[in-house]
mmCIF file of all heavy atoms, coordinates in Angstrom:
data_MODEL
# 
_entry.id   MODEL 
# 
loop_
_atom_site.group_PDB 
_atom_site.id 
_atom_site.type_symbol 
_atom_site.label_atom_id 
_atom_site.label_alt_id 
_atom_site.label_comp_id 
_atom_site.label_asym_id 
_atom_site.label_entity_id 
_atom_site.label_seq_id 
_atom_site.pdbx_PDB_ins_code 
_atom_site.Cartn_x 
_atom_site.Cartn_y 
_atom_site.Cartn_z 
_atom_site.occupancy 
_atom_site.B_iso_or_equiv 
_atom_site.pdbx_formal_charge 
_atom_site.auth_seq_id 
_atom_site.auth_comp_id 
_atom_site.auth_asym_id 
_atom_site.auth_atom_id 
_atom_site.pdbx_PDB_model_num 
ATOM 1   N N   . ARG A 1 1  ? -13.928 11.937  -7.826  1.00 0.00 ? 1  ARG A N   1 
ATOM 2   C CA  . ARG A 1 1  ? -13.908 13.289  -7.273  1.00 0.00 ? 1  ARG A CA  1 
ATOM 3   C C   . ARG A 1 1  ? -13.102 14.281  -8.106  1.00 0.00 ? 1  ARG A C   1 
ATOM 4   O O   . ARG A 1 1  ? -12.884 15.409  -7.701  1.00 0.00 ? 1  ARG A O   1 
ATOM 5   C CB  . ARG A 1 1  ? -13.363 13.243  -5.854  1.00 0.00 ? 1  ARG A CB  1 
ATOM 6   C CG  . ARG A 1 1  ? -14.360 12.600  -4.918  1.00 0.00 ? 1  ARG A CG  1 
ATOM 7   C CD  . ARG A 1 1  ? -13.733 12.231  -3.585  1.00 0.00 ? 1  ARG A CD  1 
ATOM 8   N NE  . ARG A 1 1  ? -14.716 11.656  -2.685  1.00 0.00 ? 1  ARG A NE  1 
ATOM 9   C CZ  . ARG A 1 1  ? -15.223 10.441  -2.782  1.00 0.00 ? 1  ARG A CZ  1 
ATOM 10  N NH1 . ARG A 1 1  ? -14.858 9.663   -3.758  1.00 0.00 ? 1  ARG A NH1 1 
ATOM 11  N NH2 . ARG A 1 1  ? -16.113 9.998   -1.921  1.00 0.00 ? 1  ARG A NH2 1 
ATOM 12  N N   . GLY A 1 2  ? -12.622 13.826  -9.269  1.00 0.00 ? 2  GLY A N   1 
ATOM 13  C CA  . GLY A 1 2  ? -11.853 14.700  -10.141 1.00 0.00 ? 2  GLY A CA  1 
ATOM 14  C C   . GLY A 1 2  ? -10.466 15.036  -9.606  1.00 0.00 ? 2  GLY A C   1 
ATOM 15  O O   . GLY A 1 2  ? -9.944  16.113  -9.870  1.00 0.00 ? 2  GLY A O   1 
ATOM 16  N N   . ILE A 1 3  ? -9.878  14.111  -8.852  1.00 0.00 ? 3  ILE A N   1 
ATOM 17  C CA  . ILE A 1 3  ? -8.560  14.309  -8.259  1.00 0.00 ? 3  ILE A CA  1 
ATOM 18  C C   . ILE A 1 3  ? -7.580  13.351  -8.925  1.00 0.00 ? 3  ILE A C   1 
ATOM 19  O O   . ILE A 1 3  ? -7.857  12.151  -9.030  1.00 0.00 ? 3  ILE A O   1 
ATOM 20  C CB  . ILE A 1 3  ? -8.596  14.034  -6.744  1.00 0.00 ? 3  ILE A CB  1 
ATOM 21  C CG1 . ILE A 1 3  ? -9.569  14.977  -6.055  1.00 0.00 ? 3  ILE A CG1 1 
ATOM 22  C CG2 . ILE A 1 3  ? -7.200  14.151  -6.140  1.00 0.00 ? 3  ILE A CG2 1 
ATOM 23  C CD1 . ILE A 1 3  ? -9.870  14.600  -4.612  1.00 0.00 ? 3  ILE A CD1 1 
ATOM 24  N N   . LYS A 1 4  ? -6.435  13.875  -9.354  1.00 0.00 ? 4  LYS A N   1 
ATOM 25  C CA  . LYS A 1 4  ? -5.407  13.029  -9.946  1.00 0.00 ? 4  LYS A CA  1 
ATOM 26  C C   . LYS A 1 4  ? -4.656  12.304  -8.828  1.00 0.00 ? 4  LYS A C   1 
ATOM 27  O O   . LYS A 1 4  ? -4.156  12.916  -7.893  1.00 0.00 ? 4  LYS A O   1 
ATOM 28  C CB  . LYS A 1 4  ? -4.424  13.855  -10.764 1.00 0.00 ? 4  LYS A CB  1 
ATOM 29  C CG  . LYS A 1 4  ? -3.377  13.003  -11.436 1.00 0.00 ? 4  LYS A CG  1 
ATOM 30  C CD  . LYS A 1 4  ? -2.415  13.834  -12.244 1.00 0.00 ? 4  LYS A CD  1 
ATOM 31  C CE  . LYS A 1 4  ? -1.347  12.926  -12.863 1.00 0.00 ? 4  LYS A CE  1 
ATOM 32  N NZ  . LYS A 1 4  ? -0.375  13.689  -13.627 1.00 0.00 ? 4  LYS A NZ  1 
ATOM 33  N N   . VAL A 1 5  ? -4.601  10.987  -8.921  1.00 0.00 ? 5  VAL A N   1 
ATOM 34  C CA  . VAL A 1 5  ? -3.900  10.165  -7.934  1.00 0.00 ? 5  VAL A CA  1 
ATOM 35  C C   . VAL A 1 5  ? -2.649  9.601   -8.596  1.00 0.00 ? 5  VAL A C   1 
ATOM 36  O O   . VAL A 1 5  ? -2.721  9.053   -9.694  1.00 0.00 ? 5  VAL A O   1 
ATOM 37  C CB  . VAL A 1 5  ? -4.807  9.015   -7.429  1.00 0.00 ? 5  VAL A CB  1 
ATOM 38  C CG1 . VAL A 1 5  ? -4.055  8.081   -6.504  1.00 0.00 ? 5  VAL A CG1 1 
ATOM 39  C CG2 . VAL A 1 5  ? -6.043  9.581   -6.744  1.00 0.00 ? 5  VAL A CG2 1 
ATOM 40  N N   . VAL A 1 6  ? -1.510  9.772   -7.943  1.00 0.00 ? 6  VAL A N   1 
ATOM 41  C CA  . VAL A 1 6  ? -0.257  9.236   -8.469  1.00 0.00 ? 6  VAL A CA  1 
ATOM 42  C C   . VAL A 1 6  ? 0.263   8.161   -7.526  1.00 0.00 ? 6  VAL A C   1 
ATOM 43  O O   . VAL A 1 6  ? 0.079   8.243   -6.316  1.00 0.00 ? 6  VAL A O   1 
ATOM 44  C CB  . VAL A 1 6  ? 0.803   10.334  -8.665  1.00 0.00 ? 6  VAL A CB  1 
ATOM 45  C CG1 . VAL A 1 6  ? 0.361   11.331  -9.712  1.00 0.00 ? 6  VAL A CG1 1 
ATOM 46  C CG2 . VAL A 1 6  ? 1.118   11.045  -7.377  1.00 0.00 ? 6  VAL A CG2 1 
ATOM 47  N N   . GLY A 1 7  ? 0.890   7.153   -8.073  1.00 0.00 ? 7  GLY A N   1 
ATOM 48  C CA  . GLY A 1 7  ? 1.445   6.068   -7.269  1.00 0.00 ? 7  GLY A CA  1 
ATOM 49  C C   . GLY A 1 7  ? 2.865   6.371   -6.832  1.00 0.00 ? 7  GLY A C   1 
ATOM 50  O O   . GLY A 1 7  ? 3.554   7.191   -7.441  1.00 0.00 ? 7  GLY A O   1 
ATOM 51  N N   . ILE A 1 8  ? 3.291   5.719   -5.775  1.00 0.00 ? 8  ILE A N   1 
ATOM 52  C CA  . ILE A 1 8  ? 4.661   5.830   -5.305  1.00 0.00 ? 8  ILE A CA  1 
ATOM 53  C C   . ILE A 1 8  ? 5.207   4.430   -5.051  1.00 0.00 ? 8  ILE A C   1 
ATOM 54  O O   . ILE A 1 8  ? 4.448   3.486   -4.879  1.00 0.00 ? 8  ILE A O   1 
ATOM 55  C CB  . ILE A 1 8  ? 4.777   6.661   -4.012  1.00 0.00 ? 8  ILE A CB  1 
ATOM 56  C CG1 . ILE A 1 8  ? 4.003   5.997   -2.865  1.00 0.00 ? 8  ILE A CG1 1 
ATOM 57  C CG2 . ILE A 1 8  ? 4.306   8.081   -4.232  1.00 0.00 ? 8  ILE A CG2 1 
ATOM 58  C CD1 . ILE A 1 8  ? 4.339   6.533   -1.505  1.00 0.00 ? 8  ILE A CD1 1 
ATOM 59  N N   . ASP A 1 9  ? 6.510   4.312   -5.025  1.00 0.00 ? 9  ASP A N   1 
ATOM 60  C CA  . ASP A 1 9  ? 7.148   3.045   -4.683  1.00 0.00 ? 9  ASP A CA  1 
ATOM 61  C C   . ASP A 1 9  ? 7.290   3.003   -3.171  1.00 0.00 ? 9  ASP A C   1 
ATOM 62  O O   . ASP A 1 9  ? 8.047   3.773   -2.589  1.00 0.00 ? 9  ASP A O   1 
ATOM 63  C CB  . ASP A 1 9  ? 8.517   2.946   -5.352  1.00 0.00 ? 9  ASP A CB  1 
ATOM 64  C CG  . ASP A 1 9  ? 9.239   1.655   -5.014  1.00 0.00 ? 9  ASP A CG  1 
ATOM 65  O OD1 . ASP A 1 9  ? 8.654   0.790   -4.323  1.00 0.00 ? 9  ASP A OD1 1 
ATOM 66  O OD2 . ASP A 1 9  ? 10.394  1.513   -5.432  1.00 0.00 ? 9  ASP A OD2 1 
ATOM 67  N N   . ALA A 1 10 ? 6.534   2.135   -2.521  1.00 0.00 ? 10 ALA A N   1 
ATOM 68  C CA  . ALA A 1 10 ? 6.520   2.063   -1.061  1.00 0.00 ? 10 ALA A CA  1 
ATOM 69  C C   . ALA A 1 10 ? 7.480   1.013   -0.512  1.00 0.00 ? 10 ALA A C   1 
ATOM 70  O O   . ALA A 1 10 ? 7.439   0.711   0.669   1.00 0.00 ? 10 ALA A O   1 
ATOM 71  C CB  . ALA A 1 10 ? 5.103   1.774   -0.579  1.00 0.00 ? 10 ALA A CB  1 
ATOM 72  N N   . ALA A 1 11 ? 8.358   0.496   -1.350  1.00 0.00 ? 11 ALA A N   1 
ATOM 73  C CA  . ALA A 1 11 ? 9.232   -0.592  -0.926  1.00 0.00 ? 11 ALA A CA  1 
ATOM 74  C C   . ALA A 1 11 ? 10.087  -0.227  0.284   1.00 0.00 ? 11 ALA A C   1 
ATOM 75  O O   . ALA A 1 11 ? 10.375  -1.079  1.125   1.00 0.00 ? 11 ALA A O   1 
ATOM 76  C CB  . ALA A 1 11 ? 10.130  -1.023  -2.082  1.00 0.00 ? 11 ALA A CB  1 
ATOM 77  N N   . ASN A 1 12 ? 10.498  1.020   0.391   1.00 0.00 ? 12 ASN A N   1 
ATOM 78  C CA  . ASN A 1 12 ? 11.375  1.413   1.499   1.00 0.00 ? 12 ASN A CA  1 
ATOM 79  C C   . ASN A 1 12 ? 10.645  2.073   2.659   1.00 0.00 ? 12 ASN A C   1 
ATOM 80  O O   . ASN A 1 12 ? 11.278  2.561   3.591   1.00 0.00 ? 12 ASN A O   1 
ATOM 81  C CB  . ASN A 1 12 ? 12.470  2.345   0.985   1.00 0.00 ? 12 ASN A CB  1 
ATOM 82  C CG  . ASN A 1 12 ? 13.413  1.635   0.034   1.00 0.00 ? 12 ASN A CG  1 
ATOM 83  O OD1 . ASN A 1 12 ? 13.740  0.467   0.245   1.00 0.00 ? 12 ASN A OD1 1 
ATOM 84  N ND2 . ASN A 1 12 ? 13.831  2.299   -1.012  1.00 0.00 ? 12 ASN A ND2 1 
ATOM 85  N N   . LEU A 1 13 ? 9.335   2.120   2.607   1.00 0.00 ? 13 LEU A N   1 
ATOM 86  C CA  . LEU A 1 13 ? 8.555   2.711   3.692   1.00 0.00 ? 13 LEU A CA  1 
ATOM 87  C C   . LEU A 1 13 ? 8.389   1.693   4.825   1.00 0.00 ? 13 LEU A C   1 
ATOM 88  O O   . LEU A 1 13 ? 8.380   0.481   4.584   1.00 0.00 ? 13 LEU A O   1 
ATOM 89  C CB  . LEU A 1 13 ? 7.181   3.153   3.201   1.00 0.00 ? 13 LEU A CB  1 
ATOM 90  C CG  . LEU A 1 13 ? 7.169   4.285   2.183   1.00 0.00 ? 13 LEU A CG  1 
ATOM 91  C CD1 . LEU A 1 13 ? 5.740   4.561   1.734   1.00 0.00 ? 13 LEU A CD1 1 
ATOM 92  C CD2 . LEU A 1 13 ? 7.784   5.550   2.768   1.00 0.00 ? 13 LEU A CD2 1 
ATOM 93  N N   . PRO A 1 14 ? 8.238   2.171   6.066   1.00 0.00 ? 14 PRO A N   1 
ATOM 94  C CA  . PRO A 1 14 ? 7.995   1.226   7.166   1.00 0.00 ? 14 PRO A CA  1 
ATOM 95  C C   . PRO A 1 14 ? 6.756   0.378   6.861   1.00 0.00 ? 14 PRO A C   1 
ATOM 96  O O   . PRO A 1 14 ? 5.743   0.903   6.404   1.00 0.00 ? 14 PRO A O   1 
ATOM 97  C CB  . PRO A 1 14 ? 7.750   2.134   8.372   1.00 0.00 ? 14 PRO A CB  1 
ATOM 98  C CG  . PRO A 1 14 ? 8.377   3.435   8.016   1.00 0.00 ? 14 PRO A CG  1 
ATOM 99  C CD  . PRO A 1 14 ? 8.277   3.557   6.518   1.00 0.00 ? 14 PRO A CD  1 
ATOM 100 N N   . ASP A 1 15 ? 6.842   -0.876  7.079   1.00 0.00 ? 15 ASP A N   1 
ATOM 101 C CA  . ASP A 1 15 ? 5.747   -1.832  6.856   1.00 0.00 ? 15 ASP A CA  1 
ATOM 102 C C   . ASP A 1 15 ? 5.344   -1.975  5.387   1.00 0.00 ? 15 ASP A C   1 
ATOM 103 O O   . ASP A 1 15 ? 4.330   -2.580  5.081   1.00 0.00 ? 15 ASP A O   1 
ATOM 104 C CB  . ASP A 1 15 ? 4.505   -1.479  7.691   1.00 0.00 ? 15 ASP A CB  1 
ATOM 105 C CG  . ASP A 1 15 ? 4.782   -1.486  9.180   1.00 0.00 ? 15 ASP A CG  1 
ATOM 106 O OD1 . ASP A 1 15 ? 5.621   -2.304  9.632   1.00 0.00 ? 15 ASP A OD1 1 
ATOM 107 O OD2 . ASP A 1 15 ? 4.187   -0.696  9.911   1.00 0.00 ? 15 ASP A OD2 1 
ATOM 108 N N   . GLY A 1 16 ? 6.146   -1.435  4.464   1.00 0.00 ? 16 GLY A N   1 
ATOM 109 C CA  . GLY A 1 16 ? 5.832   -1.539  3.050   1.00 0.00 ? 16 GLY A CA  1 
ATOM 110 C C   . GLY A 1 16 ? 5.736   -2.968  2.564   1.00 0.00 ? 16 GLY A C   1 
ATOM 111 O O   . GLY A 1 16 ? 4.861   -3.313  1.782   1.00 0.00 ? 16 GLY A O   1 
ATOM 112 N N   . GLU A 1 17 ? 6.621   -3.822  3.050   1.00 0.00 ? 17 GLU A N   1 
ATOM 113 C CA  . GLU A 1 17 ? 6.602   -5.230  2.628   1.00 0.00 ? 17 GLU A CA  1 
ATOM 114 C C   . GLU A 1 17 ? 5.358   -5.938  3.158   1.00 0.00 ? 17 GLU A C   1 
ATOM 115 O O   . GLU A 1 17 ? 4.735   -6.728  2.453   1.00 0.00 ? 17 GLU A O   1 
ATOM 116 C CB  . GLU A 1 17 ? 7.859   -5.949  3.115   1.00 0.00 ? 17 GLU A CB  1 
ATOM 117 C CG  . GLU A 1 17 ? 7.983   -7.357  2.575   1.00 0.00 ? 17 GLU A CG  1 
ATOM 118 C CD  . GLU A 1 17 ? 9.292   -8.018  2.980   1.00 0.00 ? 17 GLU A CD  1 
ATOM 119 O OE1 . GLU A 1 17 ? 10.285  -7.313  3.225   1.00 0.00 ? 17 GLU A OE1 1 
ATOM 120 O OE2 . GLU A 1 17 ? 9.294   -9.259  3.042   1.00 0.00 ? 17 GLU A OE2 1 
ATOM 121 N N   . ILE A 1 18 ? 4.981   -5.635  4.394   1.00 0.00 ? 18 ILE A N   1 
ATOM 122 C CA  . ILE A 1 18 ? 3.768   -6.226  4.981   1.00 0.00 ? 18 ILE A CA  1 
ATOM 123 C C   . ILE A 1 18 ? 2.547   -5.812  4.167   1.00 0.00 ? 18 ILE A C   1 
ATOM 124 O O   . ILE A 1 18 ? 1.696   -6.644  3.839   1.00 0.00 ? 18 ILE A O   1 
ATOM 125 C CB  . ILE A 1 18 ? 3.607   -5.810  6.460   1.00 0.00 ? 18 ILE A CB  1 
ATOM 126 C CG1 . ILE A 1 18 ? 4.753   -6.387  7.289   1.00 0.00 ? 18 ILE A CG1 1 
ATOM 127 C CG2 . ILE A 1 18 ? 2.255   -6.250  7.017   1.00 0.00 ? 18 ILE A CG2 1 
ATOM 128 C CD1 . ILE A 1 18 ? 4.832   -5.842  8.704   1.00 0.00 ? 18 ILE A CD1 1 
ATOM 129 N N   . ALA A 1 19 ? 2.467   -4.527  3.851   1.00 0.00 ? 19 ALA A N   1 
ATOM 130 C CA  . ALA A 1 19 ? 1.334   -4.030  3.069   1.00 0.00 ? 19 ALA A CA  1 
ATOM 131 C C   . ALA A 1 19 ? 1.295   -4.680  1.688   1.00 0.00 ? 19 ALA A C   1 
ATOM 132 O O   . ALA A 1 19 ? 0.226   -5.062  1.209   1.00 0.00 ? 19 ALA A O   1 
ATOM 133 C CB  . ALA A 1 19 ? 1.405   -2.511  2.949   1.00 0.00 ? 19 ALA A CB  1 
ATOM 134 N N   . ALA A 1 20 ? 2.459   -4.801  1.040   1.00 0.00 ? 20 ALA A N   1 
ATOM 135 C CA  . ALA A 1 20 ? 2.516   -5.390  -0.296  1.00 0.00 ? 20 ALA A CA  1 
ATOM 136 C C   . ALA A 1 20 ? 2.037   -6.838  -0.309  1.00 0.00 ? 20 ALA A C   1 
ATOM 137 O O   . ALA A 1 20 ? 1.493   -7.308  -1.302  1.00 0.00 ? 20 ALA A O   1 
ATOM 138 C CB  . ALA A 1 20 ? 3.943   -5.309  -0.839  1.00 0.00 ? 20 ALA A CB  1 
ATOM 139 N N   . LYS A 1 21 ? 2.204   -7.523  0.812   1.00 0.00 ? 21 LYS A N   1 
ATOM 140 C CA  . LYS A 1 21 ? 1.763   -8.918  0.917   1.00 0.00 ? 21 LYS A CA  1 
ATOM 141 C C   . LYS A 1 21 ? 0.326   -9.040  1.418   1.00 0.00 ? 21 LYS A C   1 
ATOM 142 O O   . LYS A 1 21 ? -0.150  -10.138 1.673   1.00 0.00 ? 21 LYS A O   1 
ATOM 143 C CB  . LYS A 1 21 ? 2.697   -9.683  1.847   1.00 0.00 ? 21 LYS A CB  1 
ATOM 144 C CG  . LYS A 1 21 ? 4.091   -9.851  1.276   1.00 0.00 ? 21 LYS A CG  1 
ATOM 145 C CD  . LYS A 1 21 ? 4.980   -10.621 2.230   1.00 0.00 ? 21 LYS A CD  1 
ATOM 146 C CE  . LYS A 1 21 ? 6.378   -10.796 1.648   1.00 0.00 ? 21 LYS A CE  1 
ATOM 147 N NZ  . LYS A 1 21 ? 7.270   -11.489 2.558   1.00 0.00 ? 21 LYS A NZ  1 
ATOM 148 N N   . GLY A 1 22 ? -0.377  -7.904  1.591   1.00 0.00 ? 22 GLY A N   1 
ATOM 149 C CA  . GLY A 1 22 ? -1.776  -7.939  2.014   1.00 0.00 ? 22 GLY A CA  1 
ATOM 150 C C   . GLY A 1 22 ? -1.962  -8.048  3.507   1.00 0.00 ? 22 GLY A C   1 
ATOM 151 O O   . GLY A 1 22 ? -3.043  -8.376  3.980   1.00 0.00 ? 22 GLY A O   1 
ATOM 152 N N   . GLY A 1 23 ? -0.927  -7.754  4.281   1.00 0.00 ? 23 GLY A N   1 
ATOM 153 C CA  . GLY A 1 23 ? -0.981  -7.909  5.733   1.00 0.00 ? 23 GLY A CA  1 
ATOM 154 C C   . GLY A 1 23 ? -1.980  -7.024  6.451   1.00 0.00 ? 23 GLY A C   1 
ATOM 155 O O   . GLY A 1 23 ? -2.353  -7.315  7.582   1.00 0.00 ? 23 GLY A O   1 
ATOM 156 N N   . PHE A 1 24 ? -2.450  -5.963  5.813   1.00 0.00 ? 24 PHE A N   1 
ATOM 157 C CA  . PHE A 1 24 ? -3.403  -5.071  6.462   1.00 0.00 ? 24 PHE A CA  1 
ATOM 158 C C   . PHE A 1 24 ? -4.834  -5.294  5.973   1.00 0.00 ? 24 PHE A C   1 
ATOM 159 O O   . PHE A 1 24 ? -5.736  -4.554  6.342   1.00 0.00 ? 24 PHE A O   1 
ATOM 160 C CB  . PHE A 1 24 ? -2.995  -3.609  6.251   1.00 0.00 ? 24 PHE A CB  1 
ATOM 161 C CG  . PHE A 1 24 ? -1.632  -3.303  6.811   1.00 0.00 ? 24 PHE A CG  1 
ATOM 162 C CD1 . PHE A 1 24 ? -0.647  -2.780  6.013   1.00 0.00 ? 24 PHE A CD1 1 
ATOM 163 C CD2 . PHE A 1 24 ? -1.337  -3.561  8.140   1.00 0.00 ? 24 PHE A CD2 1 
ATOM 164 C CE1 . PHE A 1 24 ? 0.614   -2.498  6.529   1.00 0.00 ? 24 PHE A CE1 1 
ATOM 165 C CE2 . PHE A 1 24 ? -0.085  -3.299  8.661   1.00 0.00 ? 24 PHE A CE2 1 
ATOM 166 C CZ  . PHE A 1 24 ? 0.892   -2.757  7.847   1.00 0.00 ? 24 PHE A CZ  1 
ATOM 167 N N   . LEU A 1 25 ? -5.026  -6.309  5.145   1.00 0.00 ? 25 LEU A N   1 
ATOM 168 C CA  . LEU A 1 25 ? -6.364  -6.636  4.643   1.00 0.00 ? 25 LEU A CA  1 
ATOM 169 C C   . LEU A 1 25 ? -7.070  -7.584  5.604   1.00 0.00 ? 25 LEU A C   1 
ATOM 170 O O   . LEU A 1 25 ? -6.415  -8.295  6.377   1.00 0.00 ? 25 LEU A O   1 
ATOM 171 C CB  . LEU A 1 25 ? -6.255  -7.283  3.257   1.00 0.00 ? 25 LEU A CB  1 
ATOM 172 C CG  . LEU A 1 25 ? -5.646  -6.403  2.177   1.00 0.00 ? 25 LEU A CG  1 
ATOM 173 C CD1 . LEU A 1 25 ? -5.458  -7.207  0.896   1.00 0.00 ? 25 LEU A CD1 1 
ATOM 174 C CD2 . LEU A 1 25 ? -6.491  -5.180  1.919   1.00 0.00 ? 25 LEU A CD2 1 
ATOM 175 N N   . PRO A 1 26 ? -8.406  -7.609  5.590   1.00 0.00 ? 26 PRO A N   1 
ATOM 176 C CA  . PRO A 1 26 ? -9.120  -8.518  6.482   1.00 0.00 ? 26 PRO A CA  1 
ATOM 177 C C   . PRO A 1 26 ? -8.791  -9.978  6.164   1.00 0.00 ? 26 PRO A C   1 
ATOM 178 O O   . PRO A 1 26 ? -8.533  -10.332 5.018   1.00 0.00 ? 26 PRO A O   1 
ATOM 179 C CB  . PRO A 1 26 ? -10.599 -8.219  6.224   1.00 0.00 ? 26 PRO A CB  1 
ATOM 180 C CG  . PRO A 1 26 ? -10.653 -7.438  4.972   1.00 0.00 ? 26 PRO A CG  1 
ATOM 181 C CD  . PRO A 1 26 ? -9.299  -6.833  4.753   1.00 0.00 ? 26 PRO A CD  1 
ATOM 182 N N   . GLY A 1 27 ? -8.815  -10.807 7.186   1.00 0.00 ? 27 GLY A N   1 
ATOM 183 C CA  . GLY A 1 27 ? -8.519  -12.218 7.033   1.00 0.00 ? 27 GLY A CA  1 
ATOM 184 C C   . GLY A 1 27 ? -9.656  -12.974 6.360   1.00 0.00 ? 27 GLY A C   1 
ATOM 185 O O   . GLY A 1 27 ? -10.738 -12.429 6.134   1.00 0.00 ? 27 GLY A O   1 
ATOM 186 N N   . PRO A 1 28 ? -9.451  -14.248 6.064   1.00 0.00 ? 28 PRO A N   1 
ATOM 187 C CA  . PRO A 1 28 ? -10.446 -15.036 5.338   1.00 0.00 ? 28 PRO A CA  1 
ATOM 188 C C   . PRO A 1 28 ? -11.743 -15.250 6.118   1.00 0.00 ? 28 PRO A C   1 
ATOM 189 O O   . PRO A 1 28 ? -12.778 -15.537 5.528   1.00 0.00 ? 28 PRO A O   1 
ATOM 190 C CB  . PRO A 1 28 ? -9.740  -16.367 5.071   1.00 0.00 ? 28 PRO A CB  1 
ATOM 191 C CG  . PRO A 1 28 ? -8.649  -16.440 6.082   1.00 0.00 ? 28 PRO A CG  1 
ATOM 192 C CD  . PRO A 1 28 ? -8.242  -15.028 6.368   1.00 0.00 ? 28 PRO A CD  1 
# 
C-alpha cells in the first residue's frame, strides 16, 4: 500500500511476552 512500517520493541508492553512466544497465533 506504499506505507512505511516501522518496528517497535514490545518487550515492556502488556502481553508482549505472550505475543513474542506466539500465544495469539492459532493452535496446531
